[in-house]
């Protein structure tokens, strides 16, 4: 039971990390796009 609980905790943390990374990348892309647009 402990092993399963530990696995799900790690899995949740892993997916939360992935979502955060994807979101930060998207916001960075959006920022870069806005900067390029304002310069053109």
Protein backbone atom coordinates (compact mmCIF):
# COMPACT_ATOMS: atom_id res chain seq x y z
CA UNK A 1 0.00 0.00 0.00
CA UNK A 2 2.83 2.41 0.86
CA UNK A 3 4.55 1.70 -2.43
CA UNK A 4 1.40 2.48 -4.43
CA UNK A 5 0.82 5.67 -2.44
CA UNK A 6 4.44 6.71 -3.00
CA UNK A 7 4.15 6.01 -6.73
CA UNK A 8 1.00 8.10 -7.08
CA UNK A 9 2.61 10.95 -5.13
CA UNK A 10 5.61 10.92 -7.47
CA UNK A 11 3.39 10.58 -10.52
CA UNK A 12 1.29 13.56 -9.42
CA UNK A 13 4.38 15.68 -8.80
CA UNK A 14 5.79 14.65 -12.19
CA UNK A 15 2.62 15.63 -14.07
CA UNK A 16 2.31 18.88 -12.11
CA UNK A 17 5.89 19.67 -13.15
CA UNK A 18 5.14 18.87 -16.79
CA UNK A 19 2.07 21.13 -16.79
CA UNK A 20 4.06 23.96 -15.18
CA UNK A 21 6.86 23.58 -17.74
CA UNK A 22 4.44 23.57 -20.68
CA UNK A 23 2.57 26.59 -19.31
CA UNK A 24 5.78 28.55 -18.69
CA UNK A 25 7.02 27.71 -22.19
CA UNK A 26 3.74 28.88 -23.70
CA UNK A 27 3.82 32.13 -21.73
CA UNK A 28 7.45 32.66 -22.81
CA UNK A 29 6.48 32.07 -26.43
CA UNK A 30 3.58 34.51 -26.01
CA UNK A 31 5.92 37.10 -24.51
CA UNK A 32 8.44 36.69 -27.34
CA UNK A 33 5.64 36.95 -29.91
CA UNK A 34 4.36 40.18 -28.30
CA UNK A 35 7.85 41.68 -28.20
CA UNK A 36 8.42 40.82 -31.87
CA UNK A 37 5.03 42.23 -32.80
CA UNK A 38 5.67 45.51 -30.95
CA UNK A 39 9.06 45.90 -32.67
CA UNK A 40 7.71 45.36 -36.18
